[in-house]
Protein backbone atom coordinates (compact mmCIF):
# COMPACT_ATOMS: atom_id res chain seq x y z
CA MET A 1 39.16 -65.24 17.82
CA ARG A 2 35.62 -64.57 16.58
CA ILE A 3 32.89 -66.90 15.39
CA ASN A 4 30.50 -65.70 12.69
CA VAL A 5 27.04 -67.19 12.74
CA ILE A 6 24.49 -67.36 9.94
CA ASP A 7 22.92 -63.93 10.48
CA GLY A 8 26.34 -62.24 10.43
CA TYR A 9 26.45 -61.56 14.16
CA ALA A 10 29.90 -62.24 15.58
CA GLU A 11 30.46 -63.60 19.07
CA ASN A 12 33.64 -63.76 21.07
CA VAL A 13 34.80 -67.38 21.54
CA ASP A 14 35.68 -66.80 25.19
CA ARG A 15 32.15 -65.57 25.96
CA LEU A 16 30.67 -68.50 24.07
CA ARG A 17 32.89 -70.95 25.97
CA ALA A 18 31.97 -69.32 29.30
CA ALA A 19 28.26 -69.60 28.49
CA LEU A 20 28.63 -73.28 27.64
CA GLU A 21 30.55 -73.98 30.85
CA ALA A 22 27.94 -72.11 32.90
CA SER A 23 25.25 -74.37 31.46
CA CYS A 24 27.24 -77.54 32.30
CA VAL A 25 27.98 -78.23 28.61
CA VAL A 26 31.31 -80.06 28.53
CA GLY A 27 31.42 -81.50 25.03
CA ALA A 28 29.84 -81.96 21.62
CA TRP A 29 29.49 -85.06 19.47
CA GLU A 30 28.46 -86.05 15.97
CA TRP A 31 27.63 -89.57 14.83
CA ASP A 32 27.85 -90.23 11.10
CA HIS A 33 25.59 -93.24 10.55
CA VAL A 34 26.57 -93.68 6.91
CA ARG A 35 30.29 -94.05 7.69
CA GLY A 36 29.73 -95.62 11.12
CA VAL A 37 31.99 -93.16 12.97
CA VAL A 38 31.70 -90.55 15.69
CA VAL A 39 33.58 -87.27 15.96
CA TYR A 40 34.00 -85.60 19.35
CA ASP A 41 35.28 -82.20 20.36
CA ALA A 42 38.06 -82.17 22.99
CA GLY A 43 35.66 -82.25 25.95
CA ALA A 44 33.63 -85.16 24.62
CA ALA A 45 36.79 -87.05 23.58
CA ARG A 46 38.26 -86.64 27.06
CA LEU A 47 35.07 -87.79 28.81
CA LEU A 48 33.99 -90.62 26.48
CA THR A 49 37.33 -92.06 25.36
CA GLY A 50 39.64 -90.87 28.13
CA ASN A 51 41.88 -89.30 25.45
CA PRO A 52 41.40 -85.65 24.36
CA ASP A 53 43.87 -86.26 21.51
CA LEU A 54 41.09 -88.14 19.72
CA ALA A 55 39.15 -84.88 19.26
CA ASP A 56 38.11 -83.99 15.72
CA ARG A 57 39.03 -87.45 14.40
CA PRO A 58 36.57 -90.04 13.11
CA ILE A 59 36.60 -92.98 15.54
CA ASN A 60 34.54 -96.14 15.88
CA GLY A 61 34.24 -99.32 17.86
CA PRO A 62 35.08 -99.76 21.54
CA MET A 63 37.51 -96.82 21.51
CA ALA A 64 34.57 -94.43 20.95
CA LEU A 65 33.07 -95.22 24.38
CA ALA A 66 36.09 -96.52 26.28
CA ALA A 67 35.42 -94.40 29.38
CA VAL A 68 31.71 -95.31 29.74
CA HIS A 69 31.00 -97.23 32.94
CA PRO A 70 30.72 -100.98 32.11
CA GLU A 71 27.36 -101.26 33.91
CA ASP A 72 25.91 -98.55 31.64
CA MET A 73 27.41 -99.67 28.33
CA THR A 74 24.83 -102.27 27.21
CA TRP A 75 21.69 -100.28 27.93
CA LEU A 76 23.30 -97.09 26.58
CA MET A 77 24.17 -98.71 23.24
CA ASP A 78 20.71 -100.28 23.02
CA HIS A 79 19.05 -96.95 23.78
CA MET A 80 21.18 -95.00 21.31
CA LEU A 81 20.43 -97.45 18.49
CA ARG A 82 16.68 -97.37 19.24
CA ALA A 83 16.75 -93.56 19.37
CA VAL A 84 18.54 -93.38 16.02
CA TRP A 85 16.05 -95.65 14.30
CA SER A 86 13.01 -93.99 15.86
CA GLY A 87 14.38 -90.54 14.96
CA GLY A 88 14.07 -87.33 16.88
CA LEU A 89 15.39 -86.61 20.35
CA VAL A 90 18.30 -88.56 21.85
CA LEU A 91 18.56 -88.14 25.63
CA ALA A 92 20.50 -90.39 28.01
CA GLU A 93 22.03 -90.11 31.47
CA TYR A 94 25.02 -92.36 32.20
CA ARG A 95 28.34 -92.66 34.02
CA VAL A 96 31.91 -92.31 32.75
CA PHE A 97 35.29 -92.87 34.39
CA LYS A 98 37.78 -90.02 34.39
CA PRO A 99 41.50 -90.85 34.00
CA ASP A 100 41.95 -90.43 37.78
CA GLY A 101 39.34 -93.17 38.37
CA SER A 102 36.57 -90.88 39.59
CA VAL A 103 33.06 -91.28 38.19
CA ARG A 104 31.14 -88.47 36.51
CA TRP A 105 27.49 -88.42 35.43
CA LEU A 106 26.78 -87.15 31.91
CA LEU A 107 23.58 -86.14 30.19
CA SER A 108 23.84 -86.57 26.43
CA ARG A 109 21.26 -84.70 24.37
CA GLY A 110 20.96 -84.56 20.61
CA ARG A 111 18.89 -85.19 17.52
CA THR A 112 18.97 -87.68 14.68
CA HIS A 113 18.55 -86.43 11.13
CA ARG A 114 17.28 -88.57 8.27
CA ASP A 115 17.56 -88.44 4.49
CA GLU A 116 14.56 -88.11 2.15
CA ASP A 117 14.07 -91.90 2.28
CA GLY A 118 13.86 -91.85 6.08
CA GLN A 119 17.26 -93.44 6.68
CA PRO A 120 19.34 -92.09 9.59
CA GLN A 121 22.20 -89.96 8.27
CA ARG A 122 23.71 -88.33 11.34
CA SER A 123 23.04 -87.50 14.94
CA HIS A 124 24.66 -84.65 16.78
CA GLY A 125 24.42 -83.25 20.26
CA ILE A 126 26.03 -82.06 23.44
CA LEU A 127 27.24 -83.56 26.71
CA MET A 128 26.45 -81.98 30.05
CA ASP A 129 28.20 -82.91 33.29
CA ILE A 130 25.36 -83.36 35.78
CA THR A 131 27.40 -84.95 38.57
CA GLU A 132 26.83 -82.06 40.98
CA ILE A 133 23.05 -82.05 40.59
CA ARG A 134 22.55 -85.80 40.42
CA ASP A 135 20.17 -86.80 43.21
CA GLY A 136 21.08 -90.49 43.39
CA GLY A 137 17.85 -91.74 41.78
CA ASP A 138 17.39 -93.81 38.67
CA ARG A 139 18.85 -92.67 35.35
CA TYR A 140 16.43 -91.46 32.74
CA VAL A 141 16.47 -91.94 29.00
CA LEU A 142 14.30 -90.63 26.25
CA GLY A 143 14.15 -91.84 22.70
CA LYS A 144 11.15 -92.18 20.42
CA PRO A 145 9.12 -88.99 20.11
CA VAL A 146 5.36 -89.23 20.14
CA ALA A 147 3.75 -88.31 16.81
CA GLY A 148 2.09 -84.91 16.72
CA GLY A 149 4.32 -83.32 19.31
CA ASP A 150 3.93 -84.60 22.84
CA ALA A 151 3.47 -82.07 25.66
CA LEU A 152 5.96 -83.81 27.99
CA GLU A 153 8.60 -83.92 25.24
CA ARG A 154 8.10 -80.22 24.50
CA ALA A 155 8.33 -79.52 28.24
CA ALA A 156 11.62 -81.46 28.42
CA ASP A 157 13.01 -79.39 25.52
CA LEU A 158 11.94 -76.20 27.28
CA ALA A 159 13.43 -77.36 30.59
CA LEU A 160 16.77 -78.01 28.84
CA ALA A 161 16.63 -74.56 27.26
CA LEU A 162 15.86 -73.03 30.66
CA ARG A 163 18.79 -74.79 32.31
CA GLU A 164 21.11 -73.73 29.48
CA THR A 165 19.93 -70.12 29.84
CA LEU A 166 20.59 -69.81 33.56
CA THR A 167 24.02 -68.47 34.45
CA ASP A 168 26.06 -68.83 37.64
CA ASP A 169 24.66 -65.54 38.93
CA ALA A 170 21.10 -66.94 38.89
CA PRO A 171 19.85 -67.83 42.36
CA ALA A 172 20.91 -71.33 43.38
CA GLU A 173 17.33 -72.35 44.19
CA VAL A 174 16.23 -71.36 40.66
CA ARG A 175 19.04 -73.40 39.08
CA ALA A 176 18.20 -76.35 41.35
CA ALA A 177 14.49 -76.11 40.46
CA ALA A 178 15.33 -76.13 36.74
CA GLU A 179 17.53 -79.22 37.19
CA LEU A 180 14.88 -81.01 39.24
CA MET A 181 12.20 -80.21 36.67
CA LEU A 182 14.37 -81.64 33.87
CA ILE A 183 15.11 -84.82 35.82
CA ARG A 184 11.44 -85.34 36.74
CA LEU A 185 10.30 -84.77 33.13
CA GLY A 186 12.90 -87.22 31.85
CA ARG A 187 11.81 -89.86 34.33
CA ALA A 188 8.12 -89.36 33.49
CA LEU A 189 8.89 -89.81 29.80
CA ALA A 190 11.04 -92.88 30.46
CA ARG A 191 8.31 -94.48 32.62
CA ARG A 192 5.72 -93.85 29.93
CA MET A 193 7.95 -95.42 27.26
CA THR A 194 8.37 -98.64 29.28
CA HIS A 195 4.62 -99.12 29.84
């Protein structure tokens, strides 16, 4: 199977999937604010609902986040709603339960898009499994972007791009440094937002 992108370049699906897995990407999501539903791919459906059969279907309500750890649910929903209304980057780190009862840490990153009147229309993004690199510290979240393009926000975007670029054959210390930089930037942004 081949995927054609806008410029006509075709990429093999297996290579694309391998690149996503190498960058810890385990799912994709889209939130339609007008209809009030989310649509997950199979990875996101498995991790967020506990049921991969819900992939590619519009879902809403408690079923959409059934696998999210109960201790993270309230702040996560509050953060997501604030991020949607402030526009821009959506970034949150939280826990989910797998069907076997184990806990995984996810990093959800996306953007909210608005209509010409400034109303949120949709948000879409990716999920990354960060369980292996989680250092046991506080979670970080990022929502409202600073007007005019904030240096720390740009640095966080670049750190995410760096982490997504590194493959398994990159030196472990380089991958670890990229992860640490992303975590530290996220925490700095979160601290600034709460002050």
